[in-house]
C-alpha atoms as a PDB file:
ATOM      1  CA  MET A   1      88.424 -11.699  -1.338  1.00  0.00           C
ATOM      2  CA  ALA A   2      85.138 -11.662  -3.009  1.00  0.00           C
ATOM      3  CA  GLY A   3      83.648  -8.179  -0.614  1.00  0.00           C
ATOM      4  CA  LEU A   4      86.937  -6.705  -1.901  1.00  0.00           C
ATOM      5  CA  ARG A   5      86.884  -7.773  -5.674  1.00  0.00           C
ATOM      6  CA  THR A   6      83.003  -6.366  -5.933  1.00  0.00           C
ATOM      7  CA  ALA A   7      84.090  -3.244  -3.856  1.00  0.00           C
ATOM      8  CA  VAL A   8      86.991  -2.703  -6.106  1.00  0.00           C
ATOM      9  CA  SER A   9      85.400  -3.255  -9.105  1.00  0.00           C
ATOM     10  CA  ARG A  10      82.614  -0.954  -8.086  1.00  0.00           C
ATOM     11  CA  LEU A  11      84.566   1.784  -7.139  1.00  0.00           C
ATOM     12  CA  ARG A  12      86.730   0.995 -10.757  1.00  0.00           C
ATOM     13  CA  ARG A  13      83.848   1.550 -12.832  1.00  0.00           C
ATOM     14  CA  GLN A  14      82.211   4.967 -10.554  1.00  0.00           C
ATOM     15  CA  LEU A  15      85.944   6.994 -10.796  1.00  0.00           C
ATOM     16  CA  ALA A  16      85.521   5.783 -15.082  1.00  0.00           C
ATOM     17  CA  THR A  17      82.714   7.003 -15.170  1.00  0.00           C
ATOM     18  CA  HIS A  18      83.175  10.222 -13.012  1.00  0.00           C
ATOM     19  CA  PRO A  19      83.425  13.725 -15.207  1.00  0.00           C
ATOM     20  CA  ALA A  20      85.658  15.563 -13.388  1.00  0.00           C
ATOM     21  CA  GLU A  21      89.641  15.355 -13.306  1.00  0.00           C
ATOM     22  CA  PHE A  22      91.674  15.783 -10.630  1.00  0.00           C
ATOM     23  CA  PRO A  23      95.309  15.716 -10.441  1.00  0.00           C
ATOM     24  CA  ASP A  24      95.792  12.503  -9.057  1.00  0.00           C
ATOM     25  CA  ARG A  25      92.966  10.483 -10.435  1.00  0.00           C
ATOM     26  CA  GLY A  26      95.696   8.230 -12.828  1.00  0.00           C
ATOM     27  CA  ILE A  27      97.424   7.455  -8.812  1.00  0.00           C
ATOM     28  CA  ALA A  28      93.785   5.928  -7.834  1.00  0.00           C
ATOM     29  CA  GLU A  29      93.171   4.461 -11.406  1.00  0.00           C
ATOM     30  CA  ASP A  30      96.553   2.137 -11.011  1.00  0.00           C
ATOM     31  CA  GLU A  31      96.395   1.931  -7.463  1.00  0.00           C
ATOM     32  CA  LEU A  32      92.670  -0.063  -7.812  1.00  0.00           C
ATOM     33  CA  ALA A  33      94.057  -1.282 -10.471  1.00  0.00           C
ATOM     34  CA  ALA A  34      96.570  -3.033  -8.542  1.00  0.00           C
ATOM     35  CA  LEU A  35      94.228  -4.388  -6.036  1.00  0.00           C
ATOM     36  CA  ALA A  36      92.215  -5.741  -8.731  1.00  0.00           C
ATOM     37  CA  ALA A  37      94.938  -7.845  -9.913  1.00  0.00           C
ATOM     38  CA  MET A  38      95.427  -9.037  -5.868  1.00  0.00           C
ATOM     39  CA  THR A  39      92.264  -9.929  -6.060  1.00  0.00           C
ATOM     40  CA  ILE A  40      92.500 -13.006  -8.620  1.00  0.00           C
ATOM     41  CA  ASP A  41      95.936 -13.651  -7.701  1.00  0.00           C
ATOM     42  CA  GLY A  42      94.741 -15.024  -4.990  1.00  0.00           C
ATOM     43  CA  VAL A  43      95.505 -13.909  -0.989  1.00  0.00           C
ATOM     44  CA  PRO A  44      96.995 -10.108  -1.271  1.00  0.00           C
ATOM     45  CA  GLU A  45      99.543  -8.975   0.613  1.00  0.00           C
ATOM     46  CA  ILE A  46      98.071  -7.251   3.596  1.00  0.00           C
ATOM     47  CA  PRO A  47     100.339  -4.581   4.223  1.00  0.00           C
ATOM     48  CA  ARG A  48     100.420  -3.720   0.353  1.00  0.00           C
ATOM     49  CA  LEU A  49      96.297  -4.201   0.131  1.00  0.00           C
ATOM     50  CA  ARG A  50      96.325  -1.464   3.286  1.00  0.00           C
ATOM     51  CA  ARG A  51      99.230   1.103   1.235  1.00  0.00           C
ATOM     52  CA  SER A  52      96.843   0.989  -1.955  1.00  0.00           C
ATOM     53  CA  LEU A  53      93.715   2.246   0.128  1.00  0.00           C
ATOM     54  CA  LEU A  54      95.796   4.582   1.611  1.00  0.00           C
ATOM     55  CA  LEU A  55      97.464   6.012  -2.175  1.00  0.00           C
ATOM     56  CA  ILE A  56      93.475   5.672  -3.038  1.00  0.00           C
ATOM     57  CA  ALA A  57      91.761   7.160  -0.364  1.00  0.00           C
ATOM     58  CA  GLY A  58      94.501  10.352  -1.045  1.00  0.00           C
ATOM     59  CA  ALA A  59      94.254  10.395  -4.464  1.00  0.00           C
ATOM     60  CA  ILE A  60      90.242  10.735  -4.998  1.00  0.00           C
ATOM     61  CA  GLY A  61      89.076  11.392  -1.079  1.00  0.00           C
ATOM     62  CA  SER A  62      87.927  15.022  -2.053  1.00  0.00           C
ATOM     63  CA  VAL A  63      85.553  13.843  -4.267  1.00  0.00           C
ATOM     64  CA  SER A  64      82.305  13.373  -2.228  1.00  0.00           C
ATOM     65  CA  ALA A  65      80.602  11.666  -5.196  1.00  0.00           C
ATOM     66  CA  LEU A  66      83.092   8.454  -4.984  1.00  0.00           C
ATOM     67  CA  ALA A  67      83.034   8.400  -1.183  1.00  0.00           C
ATOM     68  CA  ARG A  68      80.964   5.821  -0.793  1.00  0.00           C
ATOM     69  CA  GLY A  69      82.873   3.212  -2.984  1.00  0.00           C
ATOM     70  CA  LEU A  70      86.100   4.129  -1.393  1.00  0.00           C
ATOM     71  CA  SER A  71      84.141   3.699   1.864  1.00  0.00           C
ATOM     72  CA  ASP A  72      83.030   0.293   0.717  1.00  0.00           C
ATOM     73  CA  VAL A  73      86.529  -0.677  -0.117  1.00  0.00           C
ATOM     74  CA  ARG A  74      87.749   0.379   2.996  1.00  0.00           C
ATOM     75  CA  ASP A  75      85.393  -1.868   4.395  1.00  0.00           C
ATOM     76  CA  ALA A  76      86.345  -4.400   2.044  1.00  0.00           C
ATOM     77  CA  VAL A  77      90.397  -3.843   3.343  1.00  0.00           C
ATOM     78  CA  GLU A  78      89.396  -3.906   7.390  1.00  0.00           C
ATOM     79  CA  LEU A  79      88.000  -7.564   6.991  1.00  0.00           C
ATOM     80  CA  PHE A  80      91.596  -8.948   6.313  1.00  0.00           C
ATOM     81  CA  GLY A  81      92.283  -7.589   9.538  1.00  0.00           C
ATOM     82  CA  PRO A  82      92.761  -4.772  12.089  1.00  0.00           C
ATOM     83  CA  PRO A  83      95.945  -1.995  11.111  1.00  0.00           C
ATOM     84  CA  PRO A  84      99.232  -2.796  12.866  1.00  0.00           C
ATOM     85  CA  ARG A  85      99.765  -0.944  15.829  1.00  0.00           C
ATOM     86  CA  GLY A  86     101.997   1.736  15.962  1.00  0.00           C
ATOM     87  CA  ARG A  87     105.504   1.796  16.905  1.00  0.00           C
ATOM     88  CA  GLY A  88     107.011   2.647  20.170  1.00  0.00           C
END
């Protein structure tokens, strides 16, 4: 949990200081805030963690200056377990 908290905090700071505006910045900020809240409230809901990660990645995935921070958040989320297998 501490690793996720640290990664989310770091990416939130990077995003806050990033000078460029982009269309989905608000989505990224909202989802990072949700992830930060989950790290305070105890053990997070894994599907919700993964959903937030996907939304954040979609929102800032093309901003190369934030790629490392996004990767750190993804790595921290993956520590909670592998993604579910597809249905079929």
